[in-house]
Amino acid sequence: MSFIIANLGTIIVGLIVAVIVGLVIFSLIRNKKKGKSSCSCGCGCGHCPNSSSCHK
């Protein structure tokens, strides 16, 4: 119990970071299922060398 009390701040920050990472992963999976691209450059893909891997 003393370990938890001594490291309470670190544990709380770790939990917050874990929740944020989980939400980001959840959002990426949801967007992938909806067919949305993960490409965030905002420009056209006609000149992009990776356009075939982004948009199949």
N, C-alpha and C. Protein backbone atom coordinates (compact mmCIF):
# COMPACT_ATOMS: atom_id res chain seq x y z
N MET A 1 0.82 -1.19 0.00
CA MET A 1 0.00 0.00 0.00
C MET A 1 0.87 1.26 0.00
N SER A 2 2.00 1.19 0.66
CA SER A 2 2.86 2.37 0.72
C SER A 2 3.46 2.67 -0.66
N PHE A 3 3.66 1.63 -1.49
CA PHE A 3 4.16 1.84 -2.84
C PHE A 3 3.17 2.66 -3.66
N ILE A 4 1.88 2.35 -3.53
CA ILE A 4 0.84 3.07 -4.27
C ILE A 4 0.78 4.52 -3.81
N ILE A 5 0.84 4.74 -2.54
CA ILE A 5 0.78 6.10 -2.01
C ILE A 5 2.01 6.90 -2.43
N ALA A 6 3.17 6.28 -2.41
CA ALA A 6 4.41 6.97 -2.78
C ALA A 6 4.47 7.31 -4.26
N ASN A 7 3.79 6.54 -5.10
CA ASN A 7 3.84 6.74 -6.54
C ASN A 7 2.49 7.10 -7.14
N LEU A 8 1.63 7.70 -6.36
CA LEU A 8 0.28 8.01 -6.82
C LEU A 8 0.28 8.95 -8.01
N GLY A 9 1.12 9.95 -8.02
CA GLY A 9 1.18 10.90 -9.14
C GLY A 9 1.59 10.22 -10.43
N THR A 10 2.59 9.36 -10.36
CA THR A 10 3.05 8.62 -11.53
C THR A 10 1.98 7.67 -12.04
N ILE A 11 1.28 7.03 -11.15
CA ILE A 11 0.22 6.11 -11.53
C ILE A 11 -0.91 6.86 -12.22
N ILE A 12 -1.30 8.00 -11.71
CA ILE A 12 -2.39 8.79 -12.31
C ILE A 12 -1.99 9.27 -13.69
N VAL A 13 -0.79 9.80 -13.84
CA VAL A 13 -0.32 10.27 -15.15
C VAL A 13 -0.25 9.11 -16.14
N GLY A 14 0.22 7.97 -15.69
CA GLY A 14 0.28 6.79 -16.55
C GLY A 14 -1.09 6.35 -17.02
N LEU A 15 -2.07 6.39 -16.13
CA LEU A 15 -3.44 6.03 -16.51
C LEU A 15 -4.02 7.02 -17.51
N ILE A 16 -3.75 8.30 -17.32
CA ILE A 16 -4.24 9.32 -18.26
C ILE A 16 -3.63 9.11 -19.64
N VAL A 17 -2.33 8.84 -19.69
CA VAL A 17 -1.65 8.59 -20.98
C VAL A 17 -2.22 7.33 -21.63
N ALA A 18 -2.47 6.29 -20.85
CA ALA A 18 -3.02 5.05 -21.39
C ALA A 18 -4.41 5.27 -21.98
N VAL A 19 -5.23 6.09 -21.32
CA VAL A 19 -6.57 6.39 -21.83
C VAL A 19 -6.48 7.18 -23.13
N ILE A 20 -5.58 8.14 -23.20
CA ILE A 20 -5.42 8.93 -24.43
C ILE A 20 -4.96 8.05 -25.58
N VAL A 21 -4.00 7.19 -25.35
CA VAL A 21 -3.52 6.27 -26.39
C VAL A 21 -4.64 5.34 -26.83
N GLY A 22 -5.41 4.84 -25.89
CA GLY A 22 -6.56 3.98 -26.22
C GLY A 22 -7.58 4.69 -27.08
N LEU A 23 -7.86 5.95 -26.77
CA LEU A 23 -8.82 6.72 -27.57
C LEU A 23 -8.30 6.97 -28.99
N VAL A 24 -7.02 7.23 -29.12
CA VAL A 24 -6.44 7.44 -30.45
C VAL A 24 -6.53 6.16 -31.27
N ILE A 25 -6.20 5.03 -30.67
CA ILE A 25 -6.28 3.75 -31.38
C ILE A 25 -7.72 3.44 -31.76
N PHE A 26 -8.65 3.68 -30.86
CA PHE A 26 -10.07 3.47 -31.14
C PHE A 26 -10.53 4.33 -32.30
N SER A 27 -10.09 5.59 -32.32
CA SER A 27 -10.47 6.49 -33.40
C SER A 27 -9.90 6.04 -34.74
N LEU A 28 -8.65 5.58 -34.75
CA LEU A 28 -8.04 5.09 -35.99
C LEU A 28 -8.77 3.87 -36.51
N ILE A 29 -9.12 2.95 -35.63
CA ILE A 29 -9.85 1.75 -36.04
C ILE A 29 -11.22 2.11 -36.58
N ARG A 30 -11.91 3.01 -35.90
CA ARG A 30 -13.25 3.42 -36.34
C ARG A 30 -13.20 4.09 -37.71
N ASN A 31 -12.21 4.97 -37.92
CA ASN A 31 -12.08 5.62 -39.22
C ASN A 31 -11.72 4.62 -40.31
N LYS A 32 -10.90 3.64 -40.00
CA LYS A 32 -10.53 2.62 -40.98
C LYS A 32 -11.75 1.81 -41.38
N LYS A 33 -12.61 1.47 -40.42
CA LYS A 33 -13.83 0.71 -40.73
C LYS A 33 -14.80 1.53 -41.57
N LYS A 34 -14.82 2.84 -41.38
CA LYS A 34 -15.69 3.71 -42.16
C LYS A 34 -15.12 4.00 -43.54
N GLY A 35 -13.89 3.60 -43.78
CA GLY A 35 -13.28 3.82 -45.08
C GLY A 35 -12.59 5.15 -45.22
N LYS A 36 -12.44 5.86 -44.14
CA LYS A 36 -11.76 7.15 -44.19
C LYS A 36 -10.26 6.93 -44.26
N SER A 37 -9.59 7.80 -44.97
CA SER A 37 -8.15 7.69 -45.12
C SER A 37 -7.46 8.23 -43.87
N SER A 38 -6.33 7.65 -43.55
CA SER A 38 -5.55 8.15 -42.43
C SER A 38 -4.57 9.22 -42.89
N CYS A 39 -4.58 9.50 -44.19
CA CYS A 39 -3.70 10.53 -44.76
C CYS A 39 -4.22 11.90 -44.33
N SER A 40 -3.39 12.67 -43.72
CA SER A 40 -3.85 13.95 -43.18
C SER A 40 -3.16 15.14 -43.82
N CYS A 41 -2.56 14.94 -45.00
CA CYS A 41 -1.83 16.05 -45.59
C CYS A 41 -2.77 17.10 -46.16
N GLY A 42 -3.98 16.69 -46.57
CA GLY A 42 -4.97 17.65 -47.03
C GLY A 42 -4.82 18.09 -48.47
N CYS A 43 -3.85 17.55 -49.18
CA CYS A 43 -3.67 17.94 -50.58
C CYS A 43 -4.03 16.76 -51.47
N GLY A 44 -4.07 17.00 -52.76
CA GLY A 44 -4.42 15.95 -53.71
C GLY A 44 -3.36 14.86 -53.74
N CYS A 45 -3.79 13.66 -54.10
CA CYS A 45 -2.88 12.52 -54.08
C CYS A 45 -2.34 12.18 -55.47
N GLY A 46 -2.65 12.99 -56.47
CA GLY A 46 -2.21 12.70 -57.82
C GLY A 46 -0.71 12.68 -57.97
N HIS A 47 0.00 13.49 -57.25
CA HIS A 47 1.46 13.56 -57.36
C HIS A 47 2.18 12.82 -56.25
N CYS A 48 1.45 12.18 -55.37
CA CYS A 48 2.05 11.50 -54.21
C CYS A 48 2.55 10.12 -54.61
N PRO A 49 3.80 9.78 -54.29
CA PRO A 49 4.31 8.46 -54.64
C PRO A 49 3.66 7.32 -53.84
N ASN A 50 3.02 7.64 -52.73
CA ASN A 50 2.38 6.62 -51.90
C ASN A 50 0.87 6.56 -52.10
N SER A 51 0.35 7.16 -53.15
CA SER A 51 -1.11 7.21 -53.32
C SER A 51 -1.70 5.82 -53.53
N SER A 52 -0.94 4.89 -54.11
CA SER A 52 -1.48 3.55 -54.31
C SER A 52 -1.63 2.79 -53.00
N SER A 53 -0.84 3.12 -51.99
CA SER A 53 -0.98 2.43 -50.72
C SER A 53 -2.03 3.10 -49.82
N CYS A 54 -2.30 4.36 -50.05
CA CYS A 54 -3.33 5.07 -49.27
C CYS A 54 -4.72 4.75 -49.78
N HIS A 55 -4.92 4.86 -51.05
CA HIS A 55 -6.26 4.73 -51.66
C HIS A 55 -6.24 3.56 -52.63
N LYS A 56 -6.79 2.46 -52.19
CA LYS A 56 -6.79 1.26 -53.03
C LYS A 56 -8.03 1.20 -53.88
